[in-house]
Amino acid sequence: KSMGGEALTSIELTARGLVGDRRYAVRDAGDHLVSGKNSKRFRRHDEI
């Protein structure tokens, strides 16, 4: 999540979405998701 991604020619979709999409996330010490914005769930770290 929030990192650059990859182009695909074909992919399986499940109830969660594209298989392997947002499979991992970076979390800080407060268990917030690292992203480009601040909210209850997210913390802004543009370095991501």
All heavy atoms as atom14 arrays in JSON, in Angstrom:
{
  "sequence": "KSMGGEALTSIELTARGLVGDRRYAVRDAGDHLVSGKNSKRFRRHDEI",
  "atom14_mask": [
    [1, 1, 1, 1, 1, 1, 1, 1, 1, 0, 0, 0, 0, 0],
    [1, 1, 1, 1, 1, 1, 0, 0, 0, 0, 0, 0, 0, 0],
    [1, 1, 1, 1, 1, 1, 1, 1, 0, 0, 0, 0, 0, 0],
    [1, 1, 1, 1, 0, 0, 0, 0, 0, 0, 0, 0, 0, 0],
    [1, 1, 1, 1, 0, 0, 0, 0, 0, 0, 0, 0, 0, 0],
    [1, 1, 1, 1, 1, 1, 1, 1, 1, 0, 0, 0, 0, 0],
    [1, 1, 1, 1, 1, 0, 0, 0, 0, 0, 0, 0, 0, 0],
    [1, 1, 1, 1, 1, 1, 1, 1, 0, 0, 0, 0, 0, 0],
    [1, 1, 1, 1, 1, 1, 1, 0, 0, 0, 0, 0, 0, 0],
    [1, 1, 1, 1, 1, 1, 0, 0, 0, 0, 0, 0, 0, 0],
    [1, 1, 1, 1, 1, 1, 1, 1, 0, 0, 0, 0, 0, 0],
    [1, 1, 1, 1, 1, 1, 1, 1, 1, 0, 0, 0, 0, 0],
    [1, 1, 1, 1, 1, 1, 1, 1, 0, 0, 0, 0, 0, 0],
    [1, 1, 1, 1, 1, 1, 1, 0, 0, 0, 0, 0, 0, 0],
    [1, 1, 1, 1, 1, 0, 0, 0, 0, 0, 0, 0, 0, 0],
    [1, 1, 1, 1, 1, 1, 1, 1, 1, 1, 1, 0, 0, 0],
    [1, 1, 1, 1, 0, 0, 0, 0, 0, 0, 0, 0, 0, 0],
    [1, 1, 1, 1, 1, 1, 1, 1, 0, 0, 0, 0, 0, 0],
    [1, 1, 1, 1, 1, 1, 1, 0, 0, 0, 0, 0, 0, 0],
    [1, 1, 1, 1, 0, 0, 0, 0, 0, 0, 0, 0, 0, 0],
    [1, 1, 1, 1, 1, 1, 1, 1, 0, 0, 0, 0, 0, 0],
    [1, 1, 1, 1, 1, 1, 1, 1, 1, 1, 1, 0, 0, 0],
    [1, 1, 1, 1, 1, 1, 1, 1, 1, 1, 1, 0, 0, 0],
    [1, 1, 1, 1, 1, 1, 1, 1, 1, 1, 1, 1, 0, 0],
    [1, 1, 1, 1, 1, 0, 0, 0, 0, 0, 0, 0, 0, 0],
    [1, 1, 1, 1, 1, 1, 1, 0, 0, 0, 0, 0, 0, 0],
    [1, 1, 1, 1, 1, 1, 1, 1, 1, 1, 1, 0, 0, 0],
    [1, 1, 1, 1, 1, 1, 1, 1, 0, 0, 0, 0, 0, 0],
    [1, 1, 1, 1, 1, 0, 0, 0, 0, 0, 0, 0, 0, 0],
    [1, 1, 1, 1, 0, 0, 0, 0, 0, 0, 0, 0, 0, 0],
    [1, 1, 1, 1, 1, 1, 1, 1, 0, 0, 0, 0, 0, 0],
    [1, 1, 1, 1, 1, 1, 1, 1, 1, 1, 0, 0, 0, 0],
    [1, 1, 1, 1, 1, 1, 1, 1, 0, 0, 0, 0, 0, 0],
    [1, 1, 1, 1, 1, 1, 1, 0, 0, 0, 0, 0, 0, 0],
    [1, 1, 1, 1, 1, 1, 0, 0, 0, 0, 0, 0, 0, 0],
    [1, 1, 1, 1, 0, 0, 0, 0, 0, 0, 0, 0, 0, 0],
    [1, 1, 1, 1, 1, 1, 1, 1, 1, 0, 0, 0, 0, 0],
    [1, 1, 1, 1, 1, 1, 1, 1, 0, 0, 0, 0, 0, 0],
    [1, 1, 1, 1, 1, 1, 0, 0, 0, 0, 0, 0, 0, 0],
    [1, 1, 1, 1, 1, 1, 1, 1, 1, 0, 0, 0, 0, 0],
    [1, 1, 1, 1, 1, 1, 1, 1, 1, 1, 1, 0, 0, 0],
    [1, 1, 1, 1, 1, 1, 1, 1, 1, 1, 1, 0, 0, 0],
    [1, 1, 1, 1, 1, 1, 1, 1, 1, 1, 1, 0, 0, 0],
    [1, 1, 1, 1, 1, 1, 1, 1, 1, 1, 1, 0, 0, 0],
    [1, 1, 1, 1, 1, 1, 1, 1, 1, 1, 0, 0, 0, 0],
    [1, 1, 1, 1, 1, 1, 1, 1, 0, 0, 0, 0, 0, 0],
    [1, 1, 1, 1, 1, 1, 1, 1, 1, 0, 0, 0, 0, 0],
    [1, 1, 1, 1, 1, 1, 1, 1, 0, 0, 0, 0, 0, 0]
  ],
  "atom14_positions": [
    [[0.83, -1.2, 0.0], [0.0, 0.0, 0.0], [0.87, 1.26, 0.0], [1.83, 1.36, 0.76], [-0.93, 0.01, 1.22], [-1.87, 1.2, 1.24], [-2.88, 1.1, 2.33], [-3.75, 2.35, 2.37], [-4.5, 2.52, 1.11], [0.0, 0.0, 0.0], [0.0, 0.0, 0.0], [0.0, 0.0, 0.0], [0.0, 0.0, 0.0], [0.0, 0.0, 0.0]],
    [[0.52, 2.19, -0.88], [1.13, 3.51, -1.04], [2.46, 3.49, -1.78], [2.96, 4.55, -2.15], [1.3, 4.22, 0.31], [0.04, 4.49, 0.89], [0.0, 0.0, 0.0], [0.0, 0.0, 0.0], [0.0, 0.0, 0.0], [0.0, 0.0, 0.0], [0.0, 0.0, 0.0], [0.0, 0.0, 0.0], [0.0, 0.0, 0.0], [0.0, 0.0, 0.0]],
    [[3.05, 2.33, -1.99], [4.25, 2.26, -2.83], [3.85, 2.16, -4.3], [2.7, 1.89, -4.62], [5.09, 1.04, -2.45], [5.72, 1.12, -1.08], [6.83, -0.29, -0.77], [7.32, 0.06, 0.92], [0.0, 0.0, 0.0], [0.0, 0.0, 0.0], [0.0, 0.0, 0.0], [0.0, 0.0, 0.0], [0.0, 0.0, 0.0], [0.0, 0.0, 0.0]],
    [[4.83, 2.39, -5.2], [4.59, 2.19, -6.61], [4.22, 0.75, -6.89], [4.53, -0.16, -6.11], [0.0, 0.0, 0.0], [0.0, 0.0, 0.0], [0.0, 0.0, 0.0], [0.0, 0.0, 0.0], [0.0, 0.0, 0.0], [0.0, 0.0, 0.0], [0.0, 0.0, 0.0], [0.0, 0.0, 0.0], [0.0, 0.0, 0.0], [0.0, 0.0, 0.0]],
    [[3.55, 0.52, -8.03], [3.03, -0.81, -8.32], [3.56, -1.4, -9.6], [4.65, -1.06, -10.06], [0.0, 0.0, 0.0], [0.0, 0.0, 0.0], [0.0, 0.0, 0.0], [0.0, 0.0, 0.0], [0.0, 0.0, 0.0], [0.0, 0.0, 0.0], [0.0, 0.0, 0.0], [0.0, 0.0, 0.0], [0.0, 0.0, 0.0], [0.0, 0.0, 0.0]],
    [[2.77, -2.3, -10.19], [3.2, -3.06, -11.36], [2.07, -3.21, -12.35], [0.9, -3.39, -11.97], [3.71, -4.44, -10.92], [2.7, -5.23, -10.12], [3.31, -6.49, -9.52], [4.44, -6.87, -9.87], [2.62, -7.12, -8.68], [0.0, 0.0, 0.0], [0.0, 0.0, 0.0], [0.0, 0.0, 0.0], [0.0, 0.0, 0.0], [0.0, 0.0, 0.0]],
    [[2.42, -3.14, -13.64], [1.46, -3.37, -14.72], [1.29, -4.86, -14.93], [2.24, -5.64, -14.81], [1.93, -2.7, -16.0], [0.0, 0.0, 0.0], [0.0, 0.0, 0.0], [0.0, 0.0, 0.0], [0.0, 0.0, 0.0], [0.0, 0.0, 0.0], [0.0, 0.0, 0.0], [0.0, 0.0, 0.0], [0.0, 0.0, 0.0], [0.0, 0.0, 0.0]],
    [[0.07, -5.28, -15.24], [-0.26, -6.69, -15.43], [-0.93, -6.88, -16.78], [-1.55, -5.95, -17.32], [-1.21, -7.16, -14.33], [-0.77, -6.96, -12.87], [-1.93, -7.24, -11.94], [0.42, -7.84, -12.54], [0.0, 0.0, 0.0], [0.0, 0.0, 0.0], [0.0, 0.0, 0.0], [0.0, 0.0, 0.0], [0.0, 0.0, 0.0], [0.0, 0.0, 0.0]],
    [[-0.83, -8.08, -17.32], [-1.58, -8.42, -18.52], [-2.81, -9.25, -18.2], [-3.78, -9.26, -18.96], [-0.7, -9.19, -19.52], [-0.19, -10.37, -18.87], [0.47, -8.33, -19.98], [0.0, 0.0, 0.0], [0.0, 0.0, 0.0], [0.0, 0.0, 0.0], [0.0, 0.0, 0.0], [0.0, 0.0, 0.0], [0.0, 0.0, 0.0], [0.0, 0.0, 0.0]],
    [[-2.8, -9.93, -17.04], [-3.91, -10.79, -16.63], [-3.82, -10.98, -15.13], [-2.73, -11.03, -14.57], [-3.81, -12.14, -17.35], [-4.93, -12.94, -17.05], [0.0, 0.0, 0.0], [0.0, 0.0, 0.0], [0.0, 0.0, 0.0], [0.0, 0.0, 0.0], [0.0, 0.0, 0.0], [0.0, 0.0, 0.0], [0.0, 0.0, 0.0], [0.0, 0.0, 0.0]],
    [[-4.98, -11.09, -14.45], [-4.97, -11.24, -13.0], [-6.28, -11.84, -12.52], [-7.35, -11.55, -13.06], [-4.71, -9.88, -12.3], [-4.54, -10.06, -10.79], [-5.82, -8.89, -12.62], [-3.33, -10.85, -10.38], [0.0, 0.0, 0.0], [0.0, 0.0, 0.0], [0.0, 0.0, 0.0], [0.0, 0.0, 0.0], [0.0, 0.0, 0.0], [0.0, 0.0, 0.0]],
    [[-6.18, -12.67, -11.49], [-7.36, -13.21, -10.82], [-7.91, -12.16, -9.86], [-7.15, -11.46, -9.18], [-7.01, -14.48, -10.04], [-6.66, -15.67, -10.91], [-7.9, -16.41, -11.4], [-9.01, -16.12, -10.9], [-7.74, -17.28, -12.28], [0.0, 0.0, 0.0], [0.0, 0.0, 0.0], [0.0, 0.0, 0.0], [0.0, 0.0, 0.0], [0.0, 0.0, 0.0]],
    [[-9.24, -12.09, -9.79], [-9.91, -11.24, -8.81], [-10.69, -12.12, -7.85], [-11.32, -13.09, -8.25], [-10.87, -10.26, -9.49], [-10.28, -8.92, -9.94], [-9.31, -9.13, -11.1], [-11.38, -7.95, -10.35], [0.0, 0.0, 0.0], [0.0, 0.0, 0.0], [0.0, 0.0, 0.0], [0.0, 0.0, 0.0], [0.0, 0.0, 0.0], [0.0, 0.0, 0.0]],
    [[-10.6, -11.76, -6.56], [-11.38, -12.42, -5.52], [-12.21, -11.36, -4.81], [-12.22, -10.19, -5.21], [-10.46, -13.11, -4.5], [-9.73, -12.11, -3.77], [-9.47, -14.05, -5.19], [0.0, 0.0, 0.0], [0.0, 0.0, 0.0], [0.0, 0.0, 0.0], [0.0, 0.0, 0.0], [0.0, 0.0, 0.0], [0.0, 0.0, 0.0], [0.0, 0.0, 0.0]],
    [[-12.9, -11.75, -3.75], [-13.74, -10.8, -3.02], [-12.93, -9.61, -2.5], [-13.46, -8.51, -2.33], [-14.43, -11.5, -1.86], [0.0, 0.0, 0.0], [0.0, 0.0, 0.0], [0.0, 0.0, 0.0], [0.0, 0.0, 0.0], [0.0, 0.0, 0.0], [0.0, 0.0, 0.0], [0.0, 0.0, 0.0], [0.0, 0.0, 0.0], [0.0, 0.0, 0.0]],
    [[-11.64, -9.81, -2.25], [-10.79, -8.73, -1.75], [-10.31, -7.8, -2.86], [-9.88, -6.69, -2.61], [-9.59, -9.32, -1.01], [-8.74, -8.29, -0.26], [-7.59, -8.94, 0.46], [-6.83, -7.97, 1.22], [-5.83, -7.24, 0.72], [-5.48, -7.39, -0.55], [-5.19, -6.37, 1.47], [0.0, 0.0, 0.0], [0.0, 0.0, 0.0], [0.0, 0.0, 0.0]],
    [[-10.36, -8.25, -4.1], [-9.88, -7.45, -5.22], [-8.89, -8.22, -6.05], [-8.96, -9.45, -6.14], [0.0, 0.0, 0.0], [0.0, 0.0, 0.0], [0.0, 0.0, 0.0], [0.0, 0.0, 0.0], [0.0, 0.0, 0.0], [0.0, 0.0, 0.0], [0.0, 0.0, 0.0], [0.0, 0.0, 0.0], [0.0, 0.0, 0.0], [0.0, 0.0, 0.0]],
    [[-7.94, -7.53, -6.69], [-6.9, -8.2, -7.45], [-6.05, -9.04, -6.51], [-5.64, -8.55, -5.45], [-6.01, -7.18, -8.17], [-6.5, -6.61, -9.5], [-7.73, -5.72, -9.3], [-5.38, -5.81, -10.17], [0.0, 0.0, 0.0], [0.0, 0.0, 0.0], [0.0, 0.0, 0.0], [0.0, 0.0, 0.0], [0.0, 0.0, 0.0], [0.0, 0.0, 0.0]],
    [[-5.79, -10.28, -6.88], [-4.96, -11.13, -6.04], [-3.59, -10.48, -5.87], [-2.94, -10.11, -6.85], [-4.82, -12.53, -6.66], [-3.74, -13.34, -5.93], [-6.14, -13.27, -6.61], [0.0, 0.0, 0.0], [0.0, 0.0, 0.0], [0.0, 0.0, 0.0], [0.0, 0.0, 0.0], [0.0, 0.0, 0.0], [0.0, 0.0, 0.0], [0.0, 0.0, 0.0]],
    [[-3.18, -10.29, -4.62], [-1.89, -9.68, -4.33], [-1.92, -8.17, -4.22], [-0.91, -7.55, -3.87], [0.0, 0.0, 0.0], [0.0, 0.0, 0.0], [0.0, 0.0, 0.0], [0.0, 0.0, 0.0], [0.0, 0.0, 0.0], [0.0, 0.0, 0.0], [0.0, 0.0, 0.0], [0.0, 0.0, 0.0], [0.0, 0.0, 0.0], [0.0, 0.0, 0.0]],
    [[-3.05, -7.53, -4.49], [-3.14, -6.07, -4.39], [-3.22, -5.66, -2.93], [-4.0, -6.22, -2.16], [-4.37, -5.58, -5.14], [-4.37, -4.07, -5.32], [-3.32, -3.53, -5.68], [-5.43, -3.44, -5.11], [0.0, 0.0, 0.0], [0.0, 0.0, 0.0], [0.0, 0.0, 0.0], [0.0, 0.0, 0.0], [0.0, 0.0, 0.0], [0.0, 0.0, 0.0]],
    [[-2.37, -4.67, -2.56], [-2.31, -4.19, -1.18], [-2.11, -5.37, -0.21], [-2.67, -5.41, 0.88], [-3.56, -3.41, -0.8], [-3.55, -1.95, -1.22], [-3.83, -1.73, -2.68], [-4.03, -0.31, -2.98], [-4.37, 0.17, -4.15], [-4.54, -0.66, -5.18], [-4.53, 1.45, -4.35], [0.0, 0.0, 0.0], [0.0, 0.0, 0.0], [0.0, 0.0, 0.0]],
    [[-1.32, -6.33, -0.65], [-1.05, -7.5, 0.19], [-0.31, -7.12, 1.48], [-0.52, -7.71, 2.54], [-0.2, -8.5, -0.59], [0.24, -9.73, 0.19], [1.05, -10.65, -0.68], [1.62, -11.76, 0.08], [2.44, -12.68, -0.43], [2.77, -12.62, -1.72], [2.93, -13.63, 0.33], [0.0, 0.0, 0.0], [0.0, 0.0, 0.0], [0.0, 0.0, 0.0]],
    [[0.57, -6.12, 1.36], [1.34, -5.64, 2.51], [1.05, -4.16, 2.73], [0.61, -3.45, 1.82], [2.84, -5.82, 2.28], [3.29, -7.25, 2.21], [3.46, -7.88, 0.98], [3.55, -7.98, 3.37], [3.89, -9.2, 0.91], [3.97, -9.3, 3.31], [4.13, -9.9, 2.07], [4.54, -11.21, 2.0], [0.0, 0.0, 0.0], [0.0, 0.0, 0.0]],
    [[1.33, -3.73, 3.95], [1.23, -2.31, 4.28], [2.33, -1.97, 5.27], [2.81, -2.83, 6.0], [-0.14, -1.99, 4.9], [0.0, 0.0, 0.0], [0.0, 0.0, 0.0], [0.0, 0.0, 0.0], [0.0, 0.0, 0.0], [0.0, 0.0, 0.0], [0.0, 0.0, 0.0], [0.0, 0.0, 0.0], [0.0, 0.0, 0.0], [0.0, 0.0, 0.0]],
    [[2.74, -0.71, 5.25], [3.71, -0.22, 6.22], [2.94, 0.44, 7.36], [2.05, 1.26, 7.13], [4.67, 0.79, 5.57], [5.69, 1.3, 6.59], [5.39, 0.15, 4.38], [0.0, 0.0, 0.0], [0.0, 0.0, 0.0], [0.0, 0.0, 0.0], [0.0, 0.0, 0.0], [0.0, 0.0, 0.0], [0.0, 0.0, 0.0], [0.0, 0.0, 0.0]],
    [[3.29, 0.05, 8.58], [2.63, 0.61, 9.76], [3.67, 1.23, 10.7], [4.79, 0.73, 10.8], [1.83, -0.47, 10.5], [0.6, -0.94, 9.73], [-0.24, -1.93, 10.54], [-1.42, -2.37, 9.81], [-2.61, -1.78, 9.9], [-2.76, -0.72, 10.69], [-3.64, -2.23, 9.2], [0.0, 0.0, 0.0], [0.0, 0.0, 0.0], [0.0, 0.0, 0.0]],
    [[3.25, 2.31, 11.36], [4.16, 2.97, 12.31], [3.96, 2.4, 13.71], [3.2, 1.43, 13.91], [3.95, 4.49, 12.27], [2.58, 4.93, 12.77], [1.83, 4.11, 13.35], [2.24, 6.12, 12.58], [0.0, 0.0, 0.0], [0.0, 0.0, 0.0], [0.0, 0.0, 0.0], [0.0, 0.0, 0.0], [0.0, 0.0, 0.0], [0.0, 0.0, 0.0]],
    [[4.63, 2.99, 14.69], [4.57, 2.47, 16.05], [3.18, 2.54, 16.65], [2.82, 1.75, 17.54], [5.56, 3.24, 16.94], [0.0, 0.0, 0.0], [0.0, 0.0, 0.0], [0.0, 0.0, 0.0], [0.0, 0.0, 0.0], [0.0, 0.0, 0.0], [0.0, 0.0, 0.0], [0.0, 0.0, 0.0], [0.0, 0.0, 0.0], [0.0, 0.0, 0.0]],
    [[2.35, 3.47, 16.16], [0.97, 3.58, 16.62], [0.01, 2.74, 15.83], [-1.21, 2.87, 15.98], [0.0, 0.0, 0.0], [0.0, 0.0, 0.0], [0.0, 0.0, 0.0], [0.0, 0.0, 0.0], [0.0, 0.0, 0.0], [0.0, 0.0, 0.0], [0.0, 0.0, 0.0], [0.0, 0.0, 0.0], [0.0, 0.0, 0.0], [0.0, 0.0, 0.0]],
    [[0.53, 1.89, 14.95], [-0.24, 0.98, 14.11], [-1.05, 1.71, 13.04], [-2.02, 1.17, 12.51], [-1.18, 0.09, 14.96], [-1.46, -1.23, 14.28], [-0.56, -1.75, 13.59], [-2.59, -1.75, 14.41], [0.0, 0.0, 0.0], [0.0, 0.0, 0.0], [0.0, 0.0, 0.0], [0.0, 0.0, 0.0], [0.0, 0.0, 0.0], [0.0, 0.0, 0.0]],
    [[-0.65, 2.94, 12.71], [-1.29, 3.65, 11.6], [-0.71, 3.17, 10.28], [0.47, 2.81, 10.2], [-1.06, 5.16, 11.72], [-1.55, 5.75, 12.99], [-0.71, 6.08, 14.03], [-2.8, 6.06, 13.39], [-1.41, 6.58, 15.03], [-2.68, 6.58, 14.66], [0.0, 0.0, 0.0], [0.0, 0.0, 0.0], [0.0, 0.0, 0.0], [0.0, 0.0, 0.0]],
    [[-1.52, 3.18, 9.25], [-1.06, 2.87, 7.9], [-0.3, 4.07, 7.34], [-0.79, 5.2, 7.38], [-2.24, 2.55, 7.0], [-3.0, 1.25, 7.3], [-4.35, 1.25, 6.6], [-2.17, 0.04, 6.84], [0.0, 0.0, 0.0], [0.0, 0.0, 0.0], [0.0, 0.0, 0.0], [0.0, 0.0, 0.0], [0.0, 0.0, 0.0], [0.0, 0.0, 0.0]],
    [[0.88, 3.83, 6.83], [1.68, 4.9, 6.25], [1.15, 5.2, 4.85], [0.95, 4.31, 4.03], [3.16, 4.48, 6.18], [3.97, 5.51, 5.4], [3.71, 4.33, 7.59], [0.0, 0.0, 0.0], [0.0, 0.0, 0.0], [0.0, 0.0, 0.0], [0.0, 0.0, 0.0], [0.0, 0.0, 0.0], [0.0, 0.0, 0.0], [0.0, 0.0, 0.0]],
    [[0.9, 6.49, 4.58], [0.35, 6.9, 3.29], [0.72, 8.35, 3.04], [1.66, 8.86, 3.64], [-1.18, 6.71, 3.28], [-1.81, 7.68, 4.08], [0.0, 0.0, 0.0], [0.0, 0.0, 0.0], [0.0, 0.0, 0.0], [0.0, 0.0, 0.0], [0.0, 0.0, 0.0], [0.0, 0.0, 0.0], [0.0, 0.0, 0.0], [0.0, 0.0, 0.0]],
    [[-0.05, 9.01, 2.19], [0.21, 10.41, 1.88], [-0.76, 11.36, 2.55], [-0.87, 12.52, 2.14], [0.0, 0.0, 0.0], [0.0, 0.0, 0.0], [0.0, 0.0, 0.0], [0.0, 0.0, 0.0], [0.0, 0.0, 0.0], [0.0, 0.0, 0.0], [0.0, 0.0, 0.0], [0.0, 0.0, 0.0], [0.0, 0.0, 0.0], [0.0, 0.0, 0.0]],
    [[-1.47, 10.9, 3.58], [-2.43, 11.77, 4.26], [-2.51, 11.41, 5.73], [-2.06, 10.33, 6.16], [-3.82, 11.62, 3.62], [-4.4, 10.22, 3.73], [-5.73, 10.11, 3.01], [-6.29, 8.69, 3.07], [-7.57, 8.56, 2.35], [0.0, 0.0, 0.0], [0.0, 0.0, 0.0], [0.0, 0.0, 0.0], [0.0, 0.0, 0.0], [0.0, 0.0, 0.0]],
    [[-3.07, 12.31, 6.52], [-3.31, 12.07, 7.93], [-4.8, 11.89, 8.19], [-5.63, 12.65, 7.7], [-2.82, 13.26, 8.78], [-1.31, 13.33, 8.86], [-0.65, 12.32, 9.07], [-0.76, 14.53, 8.7], [0.0, 0.0, 0.0], [0.0, 0.0, 0.0], [0.0, 0.0, 0.0], [0.0, 0.0, 0.0], [0.0, 0.0, 0.0], [0.0, 0.0, 0.0]],
    [[-5.12, 10.86, 8.95], [-6.5, 10.62, 9.37], [-6.44, 9.68, 10.58], [-5.36, 9.38, 11.1], [-7.33, 9.98, 8.25], [-6.92, 8.64, 8.02], [0.0, 0.0, 0.0], [0.0, 0.0, 0.0], [0.0, 0.0, 0.0], [0.0, 0.0, 0.0], [0.0, 0.0, 0.0], [0.0, 0.0, 0.0], [0.0, 0.0, 0.0], [0.0, 0.0, 0.0]],
    [[-7.59, 9.2, 11.0], [-7.6, 8.26, 12.13], [-6.82, 7.0, 11.81], [-6.14, 6.43, 12.67], [-9.05, 7.91, 12.48], [-9.19, 7.05, 13.73], [-10.64, 6.82, 14.07], [-10.77, 5.95, 15.33], [-12.2, 5.73, 15.7], [0.0, 0.0, 0.0], [0.0, 0.0, 0.0], [0.0, 0.0, 0.0], [0.0, 0.0, 0.0], [0.0, 0.0, 0.0]],
    [[-6.91, 6.52, 10.56], [-6.25, 5.27, 10.15], [-4.86, 5.5, 9.59], [-4.01, 4.61, 9.65], [-7.07, 4.55, 9.08], [-8.38, 3.96, 9.51], [-9.05, 3.27, 8.32], [-8.26, 2.15, 7.84], [-8.31, 1.68, 6.59], [-9.09, 2.27, 5.69], [-7.58, 0.65, 6.23], [0.0, 0.0, 0.0], [0.0, 0.0, 0.0], [0.0, 0.0, 0.0]],
    [[-4.61, 6.68, 8.98], [-3.41, 6.9, 8.19], [-2.49, 7.95, 8.81], [-2.95, 8.85, 9.53], [-3.79, 7.36, 6.78], [-4.64, 6.37, 6.02], [-6.02, 6.55, 5.91], [-4.07, 5.26, 5.43], [-6.8, 5.65, 5.21], [-4.83, 4.35, 4.72], [-6.2, 4.54, 4.62], [0.0, 0.0, 0.0], [0.0, 0.0, 0.0], [0.0, 0.0, 0.0]],
    [[-1.2, 7.83, 8.49], [-0.22, 8.85, 8.83], [0.57, 9.21, 7.58], [0.99, 8.34, 6.83], [0.72, 8.37, 9.93], [0.1, 8.4, 11.31], [-0.27, 9.81, 11.75], [-0.92, 9.82, 13.06], [-2.22, 9.71, 13.26], [-3.04, 9.55, 12.22], [-2.73, 9.74, 14.47], [0.0, 0.0, 0.0], [0.0, 0.0, 0.0], [0.0, 0.0, 0.0]],
    [[0.75, 10.5, 7.42], [1.41, 11.01, 6.22], [2.93, 10.85, 6.31], [3.56, 11.38, 7.23], [1.04, 12.47, 6.0], [1.75, 13.1, 4.82], [1.34, 14.55, 4.67], [2.22, 15.23, 3.73], [2.12, 16.53, 3.43], [1.17, 17.27, 3.99], [2.96, 17.08, 2.58], [0.0, 0.0, 0.0], [0.0, 0.0, 0.0], [0.0, 0.0, 0.0]],
    [[3.49, 10.14, 5.37], [4.93, 10.03, 5.18], [5.17, 9.94, 3.67], [5.15, 8.85, 3.1], [5.5, 8.79, 5.87], [5.56, 8.88, 7.36], [6.59, 9.53, 8.02], [4.73, 8.41, 8.33], [6.39, 9.45, 9.33], [5.27, 8.77, 9.54], [0.0, 0.0, 0.0], [0.0, 0.0, 0.0], [0.0, 0.0, 0.0], [0.0, 0.0, 0.0]],
    [[5.39, 11.08, 3.03], [5.52, 11.1, 1.58], [6.72, 10.29, 1.09], [6.79, 9.94, -0.09], [5.63, 12.53, 1.07], [4.3, 13.28, 1.13], [3.28, 12.64, 1.46], [4.29, 14.49, 0.84], [0.0, 0.0, 0.0], [0.0, 0.0, 0.0], [0.0, 0.0, 0.0], [0.0, 0.0, 0.0], [0.0, 0.0, 0.0], [0.0, 0.0, 0.0]],
    [[7.64, 9.96, 2.0], [8.79, 9.14, 1.6], [8.36, 7.78, 1.06], [9.09, 7.15, 0.27], [9.73, 8.93, 2.79], [10.31, 10.2, 3.37], [9.47, 10.78, 4.49], [8.27, 10.42, 4.59], [10.0, 11.6, 5.26], [0.0, 0.0, 0.0], [0.0, 0.0, 0.0], [0.0, 0.0, 0.0], [0.0, 0.0, 0.0], [0.0, 0.0, 0.0]],
    [[7.17, 7.32, 1.45], [6.69, 6.01, 1.0], [6.56, 5.95, -0.52], [6.71, 4.88, -1.13], [5.34, 5.67, 1.67], [4.99, 4.19, 1.52], [4.22, 6.54, 1.14], [5.81, 3.28, 2.34], [0.0, 0.0, 0.0], [0.0, 0.0, 0.0], [0.0, 0.0, 0.0], [0.0, 0.0, 0.0], [0.0, 0.0, 0.0], [0.0, 0.0, 0.0]]
  ]
}
